[in-house]
Amino acid sequence: MTIGATINTALTAVLVNSWAVELPPEPTFPAITFEIDSTPESDWVIGGGYTQHVITVTTFAYTKTELATYKASIQAAMEIIDGFITEEESGDAAFEDLPGVYAYFQDFRIRTAT
């Protein structure tokens, strides 16, 4: 399974309304999007064979209270993925596209064997 499919499966278990990269046209809320930035680690071990992924998960909701309810569930879903390293950063996300919708981001680091 690819890292994208693994992340999608984990986040869909938290909220079915999960999307890769961006929200669909006329989205419904709450919703989750995720982006993956992958970097091969050729010098980490002799012969390489590993890739580090920084996954940015953004949650969108009508209230900050609702956002808070998803934060722990998203972290728990990411922590059970093989190769999970840490949650690196999180906080309010800049999102001004839709009035009355709040956004919160979480960055996770995962290492996979290639």
PDB file of N, CA and C in Angstrom:
ATOM      1  N   MET A   1       0.853  -1.176   0.000  1.00  0.00           N
ATOM      2  CA  MET A   1       0.000   0.000   0.000  1.00  0.00           C
ATOM      3  C   MET A   1       0.898   1.238   0.000  1.00  0.00           C
ATOM      4  N   THR A   2       0.536   2.241  -0.771  1.00  0.00           N
ATOM      5  CA  THR A   2       1.313   3.475  -0.824  1.00  0.00           C
ATOM      6  C   THR A   2       1.080   4.305   0.432  1.00  0.00           C
ATOM      7  N   ILE A   3       1.979   5.255   0.685  1.00  0.00           N
ATOM      8  CA  ILE A   3       1.815   6.116   1.852  1.00  0.00           C
ATOM      9  C   ILE A   3       0.521   6.922   1.734  1.00  0.00           C
ATOM     10  N   GLY A   4       0.172   7.348   0.531  1.00  0.00           N
ATOM     11  CA  GLY A   4      -1.072   8.097   0.341  1.00  0.00           C
ATOM     12  C   GLY A   4      -2.295   7.273   0.699  1.00  0.00           C
ATOM     13  N   ALA A   5      -2.315   6.028   0.274  1.00  0.00           N
ATOM     14  CA  ALA A   5      -3.441   5.142   0.597  1.00  0.00           C
ATOM     15  C   ALA A   5      -3.488   4.855   2.091  1.00  0.00           C
ATOM     16  N   THR A   6      -2.319   4.683   2.704  1.00  0.00           N
ATOM     17  CA  THR A   6      -2.264   4.433   4.151  1.00  0.00           C
ATOM     18  C   THR A   6      -2.818   5.620   4.926  1.00  0.00           C
ATOM     19  N   ILE A   7      -2.402   6.817   4.557  1.00  0.00           N
ATOM     20  CA  ILE A   7      -2.876   8.024   5.241  1.00  0.00           C
ATOM     21  C   ILE A   7      -4.370   8.209   5.009  1.00  0.00           C
ATOM     22  N   ASN A   8      -4.815   8.010   3.787  1.00  0.00           N
ATOM     23  CA  ASN A   8      -6.232   8.150   3.477  1.00  0.00           C
ATOM     24  C   ASN A   8      -7.079   7.179   4.309  1.00  0.00           C
ATOM     25  N   THR A   9      -6.632   5.941   4.417  1.00  0.00           N
ATOM     26  CA  THR A   9      -7.351   4.944   5.211  1.00  0.00           C
ATOM     27  C   THR A   9      -7.426   5.365   6.679  1.00  0.00           C
ATOM     28  N   ALA A  10      -6.301   5.832   7.216  1.00  0.00           N
ATOM     29  CA  ALA A  10      -6.270   6.247   8.621  1.00  0.00           C
ATOM     30  C   ALA A  10      -7.197   7.432   8.883  1.00  0.00           C
ATOM     31  N   LEU A  11      -7.171   8.421   8.005  1.00  0.00           N
ATOM     32  CA  LEU A  11      -7.987   9.619   8.225  1.00  0.00           C
ATOM     33  C   LEU A  11      -9.463   9.381   7.937  1.00  0.00           C
ATOM     34  N   THR A  12      -9.771   8.535   6.976  1.00  0.00           N
ATOM     35  CA  THR A  12     -11.164   8.218   6.686  1.00  0.00           C
ATOM     36  C   THR A  12     -11.819   7.505   7.860  1.00  0.00           C
ATOM     37  N   ALA A  13     -11.015   6.778   8.642  1.00  0.00           N
ATOM     38  CA  ALA A  13     -11.541   6.142   9.854  1.00  0.00           C
ATOM     39  C   ALA A  13     -11.937   7.190  10.900  1.00  0.00           C
ATOM     40  N   VAL A  14     -11.291   8.340  10.864  1.00  0.00           N
ATOM     41  CA  VAL A  14     -11.621   9.436  11.786  1.00  0.00           C
ATOM     42  C   VAL A  14     -12.830  10.215  11.266  1.00  0.00           C
ATOM     43  N   LEU A  15     -12.803  10.528   9.971  1.00  0.00           N
ATOM     44  CA  LEU A  15     -13.865  11.319   9.353  1.00  0.00           C
ATOM     45  C   LEU A  15     -13.954  10.926   7.880  1.00  0.00           C
ATOM     46  N   VAL A  16     -15.092  10.405   7.473  1.00  0.00           N
ATOM     47  CA  VAL A  16     -15.268   9.939   6.096  1.00  0.00           C
ATOM     48  C   VAL A  16     -15.023  11.069   5.096  1.00  0.00           C
ATOM     49  N   ASN A  17     -15.318  12.277   5.466  1.00  0.00           N
ATOM     50  CA  ASN A  17     -15.159  13.435   4.595  1.00  0.00           C
ATOM     51  C   ASN A  17     -13.695  13.899   4.595  1.00  0.00           C
ATOM     52  N   SER A  18     -12.800  13.019   4.094  1.00  0.00           N
ATOM     53  CA  SER A  18     -11.358  13.297   4.043  1.00  0.00           C
ATOM     54  C   SER A  18     -10.905  13.341   2.590  1.00  0.00           C
ATOM     55  N   TRP A  19      -9.978  14.261   2.294  1.00  0.00           N
ATOM     56  CA  TRP A  19      -9.576  14.507   0.913  1.00  0.00           C
ATOM     57  C   TRP A  19      -8.069  14.696   0.808  1.00  0.00           C
ATOM     58  N   ALA A  20      -7.486  14.211  -0.272  1.00  0.00           N
ATOM     59  CA  ALA A  20      -6.071  14.454  -0.555  1.00  0.00           C
ATOM     60  C   ALA A  20      -5.924  15.853  -1.140  1.00  0.00           C
ATOM     61  N   VAL A  21      -4.993  16.593  -0.633  1.00  0.00           N
ATOM     62  CA  VAL A  21      -4.536  17.903  -1.095  1.00  0.00           C
ATOM     63  C   VAL A  21      -5.513  19.049  -0.857  1.00  0.00           C
ATOM     64  N   GLU A  22      -6.730  18.980  -1.394  1.00  0.00           N
ATOM     65  CA  GLU A  22      -7.622  20.131  -1.242  1.00  0.00           C
ATOM     66  C   GLU A  22      -9.078  19.689  -1.116  1.00  0.00           C
ATOM     67  N   LEU A  23      -9.874  20.604  -0.618  1.00  0.00           N
ATOM     68  CA  LEU A  23     -11.302  20.348  -0.493  1.00  0.00           C
ATOM     69  C   LEU A  23     -11.953  20.302  -1.869  1.00  0.00           C
ATOM     70  N   PRO A  24     -13.024  19.546  -2.025  1.00  0.00           N
ATOM     71  CA  PRO A  24     -13.739  19.531  -3.303  1.00  0.00           C
ATOM     72  C   PRO A  24     -14.526  20.830  -3.473  1.00  0.00           C
ATOM     73  N   PRO A  25     -15.030  21.089  -4.666  1.00  0.00           N
ATOM     74  CA  PRO A  25     -15.903  22.254  -4.843  1.00  0.00           C
ATOM     75  C   PRO A  25     -17.140  22.109  -3.950  1.00  0.00           C
ATOM     76  N   GLU A  26     -17.588  23.189  -3.388  1.00  0.00           N
ATOM     77  CA  GLU A  26     -18.748  23.213  -2.493  1.00  0.00           C
ATOM     78  C   GLU A  26     -18.643  22.137  -1.401  1.00  0.00           C
ATOM     79  N   PRO A  27     -17.616  22.230  -0.560  1.00  0.00           N
ATOM     80  CA  PRO A  27     -17.399  21.202   0.464  1.00  0.00           C
ATOM     81  C   PRO A  27     -18.431  21.250   1.588  1.00  0.00           C
ATOM     82  N   THR A  28     -18.552  20.129   2.275  1.00  0.00           N
ATOM     83  CA  THR A  28     -19.349  20.075   3.499  1.00  0.00           C
ATOM     84  C   THR A  28     -18.373  19.956   4.664  1.00  0.00           C
ATOM     85  N   PHE A  29     -18.830  20.362   5.835  1.00  0.00           N
ATOM     86  CA  PHE A  29     -17.959  20.366   7.012  1.00  0.00           C
ATOM     87  C   PHE A  29     -18.608  19.627   8.152  1.00  0.00           C
ATOM     88  N   PRO A  30     -17.829  19.024   9.024  1.00  0.00           N
ATOM     89  CA  PRO A  30     -16.369  19.052   9.100  1.00  0.00           C
ATOM     90  C   PRO A  30     -15.741  18.246   7.960  1.00  0.00           C
ATOM     91  N   ALA A  31     -14.473  18.570   7.692  1.00  0.00           N
ATOM     92  CA  ALA A  31     -13.720  17.907   6.627  1.00  0.00           C
ATOM     93  C   ALA A  31     -12.245  17.884   6.989  1.00  0.00           C
ATOM     94  N   ILE A  32     -11.536  16.968   6.355  1.00  0.00           N
ATOM     95  CA  ILE A  32     -10.083  16.838   6.544  1.00  0.00           C
ATOM     96  C   ILE A  32      -9.428  16.816   5.171  1.00  0.00           C
ATOM     97  N   THR A  33      -8.290  17.518   5.055  1.00  0.00           N
ATOM     98  CA  THR A  33      -7.430  17.364   3.881  1.00  0.00           C
ATOM     99  C   THR A  33      -6.048  16.960   4.367  1.00  0.00           C
ATOM    100  N   PHE A  34      -5.275  16.339   3.479  1.00  0.00           N
ATOM    101  CA  PHE A  34      -3.900  15.997   3.826  1.00  0.00           C
ATOM    102  C   PHE A  34      -2.999  16.164   2.619  1.00  0.00           C
ATOM    103  N   GLU A  35      -1.750  16.531   2.903  1.00  0.00           N
ATOM    104  CA  GLU A  35      -0.704  16.636   1.887  1.00  0.00           C
ATOM    105  C   GLU A  35       0.504  15.867   2.381  1.00  0.00           C
ATOM    106  N   ILE A  36       1.236  15.267   1.454  1.00  0.00           N
ATOM    107  CA  ILE A  36       2.399  14.470   1.816  1.00  0.00           C
ATOM    108  C   ILE A  36       3.616  15.026   1.090  1.00  0.00           C
ATOM    109  N   ASP A  37       4.663  15.327   1.863  1.00  0.00           N
ATOM    110  CA  ASP A  37       5.948  15.766   1.306  1.00  0.00           C
ATOM    111  C   ASP A  37       6.961  14.674   1.633  1.00  0.00           C
ATOM    112  N   SER A  38       7.434  13.959   0.617  1.00  0.00           N
ATOM    113  CA  SER A  38       8.321  12.805   0.812  1.00  0.00           C
ATOM    114  C   SER A  38       9.745  13.117   0.392  1.00  0.00           C
ATOM    115  N   THR A  39      10.705  12.642   1.209  1.00  0.00           N
ATOM    116  CA  THR A  39      12.119  12.837   0.929  1.00  0.00           C
ATOM    117  C   THR A  39      12.865  11.519   1.130  1.00  0.00           C
ATOM    118  N   PRO A  40      13.515  10.996   0.078  1.00  0.00           N
ATOM    119  CA  PRO A  40      14.306   9.763   0.239  1.00  0.00           C
ATOM    120  C   PRO A  40      15.459   9.993   1.209  1.00  0.00           C
ATOM    121  N   GLU A  41      15.771   8.976   2.008  1.00  0.00           N
ATOM    122  CA  GLU A  41      16.869   9.047   2.964  1.00  0.00           C
ATOM    123  C   GLU A  41      17.982   8.093   2.527  1.00  0.00           C
ATOM    124  N   SER A  42      18.727   8.463   1.545  1.00  0.00           N
ATOM    125  CA  SER A  42      19.762   7.574   1.026  1.00  0.00           C
ATOM    126  C   SER A  42      20.963   7.465   1.957  1.00  0.00           C
ATOM    127  N   ASP A  43      21.180   8.441   2.824  1.00  0.00           N
ATOM    128  CA  ASP A  43      22.350   8.426   3.708  1.00  0.00           C
ATOM    129  C   ASP A  43      22.033   8.007   5.137  1.00  0.00           C
ATOM    130  N   TRP A  44      20.783   7.664   5.427  1.00  0.00           N
ATOM    131  CA  TRP A  44      20.406   7.328   6.792  1.00  0.00           C
ATOM    132  C   TRP A  44      20.952   5.963   7.192  1.00  0.00           C
ATOM    133  N   VAL A  45      20.942   5.034   6.271  1.00  0.00           N
ATOM    134  CA  VAL A  45      21.457   3.686   6.494  1.00  0.00           C
ATOM    135  C   VAL A  45      22.268   3.316   5.255  1.00  0.00           C
ATOM    136  N   ILE A  46      23.323   2.553   5.434  1.00  0.00           N
ATOM    137  CA  ILE A  46      24.113   2.129   4.279  1.00  0.00           C
ATOM    138  C   ILE A  46      23.185   1.431   3.294  1.00  0.00           C
ATOM    139  N   GLY A  47      23.213   1.892   2.072  1.00  0.00           N
ATOM    140  CA  GLY A  47      22.351   1.325   1.045  1.00  0.00           C
ATOM    141  C   GLY A  47      20.997   2.003   0.945  1.00  0.00           C
ATOM    142  N   GLY A  48      20.697   2.925   1.861  1.00  0.00           N
ATOM    143  CA  GLY A  48      19.438   3.675   1.812  1.00  0.00           C
ATOM    144  C   GLY A  48      18.234   2.794   2.043  1.00  0.00           C
ATOM    145  N   GLY A  49      17.204   3.041   1.295  1.00  0.00           N
ATOM    146  CA  GLY A  49      16.012   2.229   1.397  1.00  0.00           C
ATOM    147  C   GLY A  49      14.925   2.786   2.286  1.00  0.00           C
ATOM    148  N   TYR A  50      15.031   4.039   2.705  1.00  0.00           N
ATOM    149  CA  TYR A  50      13.999   4.647   3.551  1.00  0.00           C
ATOM    150  C   TYR A  50      13.562   5.984   2.975  1.00  0.00           C
ATOM    151  N   THR A  51      12.334   6.360   3.273  1.00  0.00           N
ATOM    152  CA  THR A  51      11.798   7.656   2.869  1.00  0.00           C
ATOM    153  C   THR A  51      11.109   8.282   4.075  1.00  0.00           C
ATOM    154  N   GLN A  52      11.382   9.564   4.299  1.00  0.00           N
ATOM    155  CA  GLN A  52      10.666  10.301   5.347  1.00  0.00           C
ATOM    156  C   GLN A  52       9.550  11.088   4.699  1.00  0.00           C
ATOM    157  N   HIS A  53       8.391  11.055   5.348  1.00  0.00           N
ATOM    158  CA  HIS A  53       7.217  11.765   4.853  1.00  0.00           C
ATOM    159  C   HIS A  53       6.754  12.743   5.926  1.00  0.00           C
ATOM    160  N   VAL A  54       6.546  13.974   5.529  1.00  0.00           N
ATOM    161  CA  VAL A  54       5.895  14.943   6.415  1.00  0.00           C
ATOM    162  C   VAL A  54       4.467  15.072   5.897  1.00  0.00           C
ATOM    163  N   ILE A  55       3.532  14.714   6.749  1.00  0.00           N
ATOM    164  CA  ILE A  55       2.127  14.733   6.375  1.00  0.00           C
ATOM    165  C   ILE A  55       1.465  15.898   7.090  1.00  0.00           C
ATOM    166  N   THR A  56       0.915  16.807   6.315  1.00  0.00           N
ATOM    167  CA  THR A  56       0.180  17.932   6.879  1.00  0.00           C
ATOM    168  C   THR A  56      -1.301  17.612   6.773  1.00  0.00           C
ATOM    169  N   VAL A  57      -1.934  17.519   7.923  1.00  0.00           N
ATOM    170  CA  VAL A  57      -3.370  17.238   8.004  1.00  0.00           C
ATOM    171  C   VAL A  57      -4.054  18.529   8.441  1.00  0.00           C
ATOM    172  N   THR A  58      -5.045  18.958   7.681  1.00  0.00           N
ATOM    173  CA  THR A  58      -5.799  20.158   8.034  1.00  0.00           C
ATOM    174  C   THR A  58      -7.256  19.765   8.240  1.00  0.00           C
ATOM    175  N   THR A  59      -7.793  20.175   9.380  1.00  0.00           N
ATOM    176  CA  THR A  59      -9.177  19.896   9.714  1.00  0.00           C
ATOM    177  C   THR A  59      -9.964  21.198   9.606  1.00  0.00           C
ATOM    178  N   PHE A  60     -11.152  21.111   9.032  1.00  0.00           N
ATOM    179  CA  PHE A  60     -12.026  22.267   8.833  1.00  0.00           C
ATOM    180  C   PHE A  60     -13.352  22.008   9.540  1.00  0.00           C
ATOM    181  N   ALA A  61     -13.867  23.018  10.247  1.00  0.00           N
ATOM    182  CA  ALA A  61     -15.149  22.880  10.944  1.00  0.00           C
ATOM    183  C   ALA A  61     -15.743  24.259  11.184  1.00  0.00           C
ATOM    184  N   TYR A  62     -17.017  24.257  11.556  1.00  0.00           N
ATOM    185  CA  TYR A  62     -17.710  25.521  11.822  1.00  0.00           C
ATOM    186  C   TYR A  62     -17.395  26.109  13.185  1.00  0.00           C
ATOM    187  N   THR A  63     -16.900  25.286  14.124  1.00  0.00           N
ATOM    188  CA  THR A  63     -16.564  25.812  15.445  1.00  0.00           C
ATOM    189  C   THR A  63     -15.187  25.311  15.881  1.00  0.00           C
ATOM    190  N   LYS A  64     -14.531  26.081  16.729  1.00  0.00           N
ATOM    191  CA  LYS A  64     -13.239  25.665  17.263  1.00  0.00           C
ATOM    192  C   LYS A  64     -13.389  24.467  18.191  1.00  0.00           C
ATOM    193  N   THR A  65     -14.527  24.368  18.856  1.00  0.00           N
ATOM    194  CA  THR A  65     -14.780  23.221  19.727  1.00  0.00           C
ATOM    195  C   THR A  65     -14.807  21.931  18.906  1.00  0.00           C
ATOM    196  N   GLU A  66     -15.449  21.981  17.757  1.00  0.00           N
ATOM    197  CA  GLU A  66     -15.507  20.806  16.878  1.00  0.00           C
ATOM    198  C   GLU A  66     -14.111  20.442  16.373  1.00  0.00           C
ATOM    199  N   LEU A  67     -13.312  21.447  16.045  1.00  0.00           N
ATOM    200  CA  LEU A  67     -11.930  21.181  15.622  1.00  0.00           C
ATOM    201  C   LEU A  67     -11.180  20.428  16.710  1.00  0.00           C
ATOM    202  N   ALA A  68     -11.348  20.862  17.932  1.00  0.00           N
ATOM    203  CA  ALA A  68     -10.632  20.258  19.058  1.00  0.00           C
ATOM    204  C   ALA A  68     -10.997  18.787  19.235  1.00  0.00           C
ATOM    205  N   THR A  69     -12.226  18.420  18.915  1.00  0.00           N
ATOM    206  CA  THR A  69     -12.627  17.021  19.088  1.00  0.00           C
ATOM    207  C   THR A  69     -11.913  16.102  18.098  1.00  0.00           C
ATOM    208  N   TYR A  70     -11.519  16.621  16.955  1.00  0.00           N
ATOM    209  CA  TYR A  70     -10.845  15.795  15.947  1.00  0.00           C
ATOM    210  C   TYR A  70      -9.346  15.695  16.161  1.00  0.00           C
ATOM    211  N   LYS A  71      -8.754  16.660  16.825  1.00  0.00           N
ATOM    212  CA  LYS A  71      -7.294  16.699  16.987  1.00  0.00           C
ATOM    213  C   LYS A  71      -6.747  15.404  17.586  1.00  0.00           C
ATOM    214  N   ALA A  72      -7.273  14.966  18.698  1.00  0.00           N
ATOM    215  CA  ALA A  72      -6.768  13.754  19.358  1.00  0.00           C
ATOM    216  C   ALA A  72      -7.028  12.509  18.520  1.00  0.00           C
ATOM    217  N   SER A  73      -8.175  12.445  17.854  1.00  0.00           N
ATOM    218  CA  SER A  73      -8.496  11.290  17.017  1.00  0.00           C
ATOM    219  C   SER A  73      -7.553  11.182  15.827  1.00  0.00           C
ATOM    220  N   ILE A  74      -7.224  12.310  15.242  1.00  0.00           N
ATOM    221  CA  ILE A  74      -6.283  12.315  14.115  1.00  0.00           C
ATOM    222  C   ILE A  74      -4.910  11.871  14.587  1.00  0.00           C
ATOM    223  N   GLN A  75      -4.451  12.395  15.717  1.00  0.00           N
ATOM    224  CA  GLN A  75      -3.150  11.996  16.239  1.00  0.00           C
ATOM    225  C   GLN A  75      -3.123  10.494  16.520  1.00  0.00           C
ATOM    226  N   ALA A  76      -4.157   9.974  17.143  1.00  0.00           N
ATOM    227  CA  ALA A  76      -4.211   8.545  17.448  1.00  0.00           C
ATOM    228  C   ALA A  76      -4.185   7.705  16.168  1.00  0.00           C
ATOM    229  N   ALA A  77      -4.893   8.144  15.144  1.00  0.00           N
ATOM    230  CA  ALA A  77      -4.908   7.413  13.869  1.00  0.00           C
ATOM    231  C   ALA A  77      -3.535   7.413  13.213  1.00  0.00           C
ATOM    232  N   MET A  78      -2.821   8.515  13.314  1.00  0.00           N
ATOM    233  CA  MET A  78      -1.486   8.599  12.706  1.00  0.00           C
ATOM    234  C   MET A  78      -0.463   7.785  13.501  1.00  0.00           C
ATOM    235  N   GLU A  79      -0.600   7.759  14.815  1.00  0.00           N
ATOM    236  CA  GLU A  79       0.364   7.051  15.663  1.00  0.00           C
ATOM    237  C   GLU A  79       0.380   5.545  15.425  1.00  0.00           C
ATOM    238  N   ILE A  80      -0.699   4.972  14.938  1.00  0.00           N
ATOM    239  CA  ILE A  80      -0.706   3.522  14.718  1.00  0.00           C
ATOM    240  C   ILE A  80      -0.156   3.122  13.351  1.00  0.00           C
ATOM    241  N   ILE A  81       0.210   4.098  12.527  1.00  0.00           N
ATOM    242  CA  ILE A  81       0.810   3.796  11.227  1.00  0.00           C
ATOM    243  C   ILE A  81       2.251   3.352  11.444  1.00  0.00           C
ATOM    244  N   ASP A  82       2.639   2.234  10.801  1.00  0.00           N
ATOM    245  CA  ASP A  82       4.021   1.764  10.894  1.00  0.00           C
ATOM    246  C   ASP A  82       4.971   2.859  10.429  1.00  0.00           C
ATOM    247  N   GLY A  83       6.008   3.109  11.219  1.00  0.00           N
ATOM    248  CA  GLY A  83       6.998   4.119  10.879  1.00  0.00           C
ATOM    249  C   GLY A  83       6.704   5.495  11.448  1.00  0.00           C
ATOM    250  N   PHE A  84       5.614   5.622  12.231  1.00  0.00           N
ATOM    251  CA  PHE A  84       5.294   6.914  12.837  1.00  0.00           C
ATOM    252  C   PHE A  84       6.461   7.361  13.705  1.00  0.00           C
ATOM    253  N   ILE A  85       6.864   8.621  13.567  1.00  0.00           N
ATOM    254  CA  ILE A  85       7.946   9.180  14.380  1.00  0.00           C
ATOM    255  C   ILE A  85       7.380  10.165  15.400  1.00  0.00           C
ATOM    256  N   THR A  86       6.692  11.206  14.942  1.00  0.00           N
ATOM    257  CA  THR A  86       6.213  12.231  15.872  1.00  0.00           C
ATOM    258  C   THR A  86       5.211  13.163  15.206  1.00  0.00           C
ATOM    259  N   GLU A  87       4.463  13.888  16.054  1.00  0.00           N
ATOM    260  CA  GLU A  87       3.732  15.059  15.576  1.00  0.00           C
ATOM    261  C   GLU A  87       4.682  16.220  15.790  1.00  0.00           C
ATOM    262  N   GLU A  88       5.020  16.914  14.728  1.00  0.00           N
ATOM    263  CA  GLU A  88       6.047  17.952  14.815  1.00  0.00           C
ATOM    264  C   GLU A  88       5.513  19.328  15.167  1.00  0.00           C
ATOM    265  N   GLU A  89       4.365  19.650  14.640  1.00  0.00           N
ATOM    266  CA  GLU A  89       3.866  21.010  14.802  1.00  0.00           C
ATOM    267  C   GLU A  89       2.356  20.980  14.621  1.00  0.00           C
ATOM    268  N   SER A  90       1.666  21.902  15.269  1.00  0.00           N
ATOM    269  CA  SER A  90       0.218  22.012  15.071  1.00  0.00           C
ATOM    270  C   SER A  90      -0.216  23.410  15.473  1.00  0.00           C
ATOM    271  N   GLY A  91      -1.385  23.800  14.988  1.00  0.00           N
ATOM    272  CA  GLY A  91      -1.925  25.099  15.355  1.00  0.00           C
ATOM    273  C   GLY A  91      -2.995  25.562  14.396  1.00  0.00           C
ATOM    274  N   ASP A  92      -3.482  26.763  14.629  1.00  0.00           N
ATOM    275  CA  ASP A  92      -4.505  27.331  13.753  1.00  0.00           C
ATOM    276  C   ASP A  92      -3.946  27.504  12.348  1.00  0.00           C
ATOM    277  N   ALA A  93      -4.745  27.148  11.362  1.00  0.00           N
ATOM    278  CA  ALA A  93      -4.340  27.300   9.966  1.00  0.00           C
ATOM    279  C   ALA A  93      -5.022  28.532   9.378  1.00  0.00           C
ATOM    280  N   ALA A  94      -4.301  29.220   8.523  1.00  0.00           N
ATOM    281  CA  ALA A  94      -4.888  30.368   7.840  1.00  0.00           C
ATOM    282  C   ALA A  94      -5.862  29.844   6.788  1.00  0.00           C
ATOM    283  N   PHE A  95      -7.124  30.180   6.939  1.00  0.00           N
ATOM    284  CA  PHE A  95      -8.144  29.752   5.985  1.00  0.00           C
ATOM    285  C   PHE A  95      -9.208  30.826   5.937  1.00  0.00           C
ATOM    286  N   GLU A  96      -9.231  31.561   4.833  1.00  0.00           N
ATOM    287  CA  GLU A  96     -10.170  32.663   4.704  1.00  0.00           C
ATOM    288  C   GLU A  96     -11.110  32.478   3.523  1.00  0.00           C
ATOM    289  N   ASP A  97     -11.079  31.282   2.916  1.00  0.00           N
ATOM    290  CA  ASP A  97     -11.898  31.048   1.726  1.00  0.00           C
ATOM    291  C   ASP A  97     -13.392  31.054   2.018  1.00  0.00           C
ATOM    292  N   LEU A  98     -13.776  30.531   3.173  1.00  0.00           N
ATOM    293  CA  LEU A  98     -15.194  30.453   3.520  1.00  0.00           C
ATOM    294  C   LEU A  98     -15.422  31.088   4.891  1.00  0.00           C
ATOM    295  N   PRO A  99     -16.207  32.150   4.959  1.00  0.00           N
ATOM    296  CA  PRO A  99     -16.478  32.792   6.247  1.00  0.00           C
ATOM    297  C   PRO A  99     -17.152  31.814   7.208  1.00  0.00           C
ATOM    298  N   GLY A 100     -16.728  31.861   8.454  1.00  0.00           N
ATOM    299  CA  GLY A 100     -17.334  31.017   9.476  1.00  0.00           C
ATOM    300  C   GLY A 100     -16.779  29.609   9.547  1.00  0.00           C
ATOM    301  N   VAL A 101     -15.751  29.315   8.747  1.00  0.00           N
ATOM    302  CA  VAL A 101     -15.123  27.999   8.798  1.00  0.00           C
ATOM    303  C   VAL A 101     -13.724  28.164   9.391  1.00  0.00           C
ATOM    304  N   TYR A 102     -13.435  27.384  10.415  1.00  0.00           N
ATOM    305  CA  TYR A 102     -12.132  27.404  11.069  1.00  0.00           C
ATOM    306  C   TYR A 102     -11.289  26.244  10.557  1.00  0.00           C
ATOM    307  N   ALA A 103      -9.966  26.409  10.639  1.00  0.00           N
ATOM    308  CA  ALA A 103      -9.052  25.349  10.194  1.00  0.00           C
ATOM    309  C   ALA A 103      -7.935  25.174  11.216  1.00  0.00           C
ATOM    310  N   TYR A 104      -7.488  23.918  11.349  1.00  0.00           N
ATOM    311  CA  TYR A 104      -6.426  23.564  12.280  1.00  0.00           C
ATOM    312  C   TYR A 104      -5.510  22.577  11.578  1.00  0.00           C
ATOM    313  N   PHE A 105      -4.171  22.799  11.666  1.00  0.00           N
ATOM    314  CA  PHE A 105      -3.251  21.891  10.991  1.00  0.00           C
ATOM    315  C   PHE A 105      -2.435  21.095  12.003  1.00  0.00           C
ATOM    316  N   GLN A 106      -2.000  19.908  11.571  1.00  0.00           N
ATOM    317  CA  GLN A 106      -1.096  19.052  12.344  1.00  0.00           C
ATOM    318  C   GLN A 106      -0.086  18.471  11.354  1.00  0.00           C
ATOM    319  N   ASP A 107       1.194  18.579  11.674  1.00  0.00           N
ATOM    320  CA  ASP A 107       2.257  17.984  10.852  1.00  0.00           C
ATOM    321  C   ASP A 107       2.795  16.740  11.544  1.00  0.00           C
ATOM    322  N   PHE A 108       2.846  15.648  10.804  1.00  0.00           N
ATOM    323  CA  PHE A 108       3.348  14.382  11.323  1.00  0.00           C
ATOM    324  C   PHE A 108       4.523  13.918  10.482  1.00  0.00           C
ATOM    325  N   ARG A 109       5.476  13.229  11.107  1.00  0.00           N
ATOM    326  CA  ARG A 109       6.620  12.649  10.393  1.00  0.00           C
ATOM    327  C   ARG A 109       6.534  11.131  10.493  1.00  0.00           C
ATOM    328  N   ILE A 110       6.646  10.492   9.323  1.00  0.00           N
ATOM    329  CA  ILE A 110       6.587   9.037   9.227  1.00  0.00           C
ATOM    330  C   ILE A 110       7.747   8.574   8.346  1.00  0.00           C
ATOM    331  N   ARG A 111       8.386   7.476   8.741  1.00  0.00           N
ATOM    332  CA  ARG A 111       9.484   6.892   7.938  1.00  0.00           C
ATOM    333  C   ARG A 111       9.012   5.544   7.408  1.00  0.00           C
ATOM    334  N   THR A 112       9.197   5.343   6.113  1.00  0.00           N
ATOM    335  CA  THR A 112       8.828   4.066   5.503  1.00  0.00           C
ATOM    336  C   THR A 112      10.034   3.454   4.804  1.00  0.00           C
ATOM    337  N   ALA A 113      10.040   2.142   4.754  1.00  0.00           N
ATOM    338  CA  ALA A 113      11.069   1.425   3.984  1.00  0.00           C
ATOM    339  C   ALA A 113      10.613   1.401   2.530  1.00  0.00           C
ATOM    340  N   THR A 114      11.580   1.562   1.634  1.00  0.00           N
ATOM    341  CA  THR A 114      11.231   1.543   0.206  1.00  0.00           C
ATOM    342  C   THR A 114      11.766   0.325  -0.493  1.00  0.00           C
TER     343      THR A 114
END
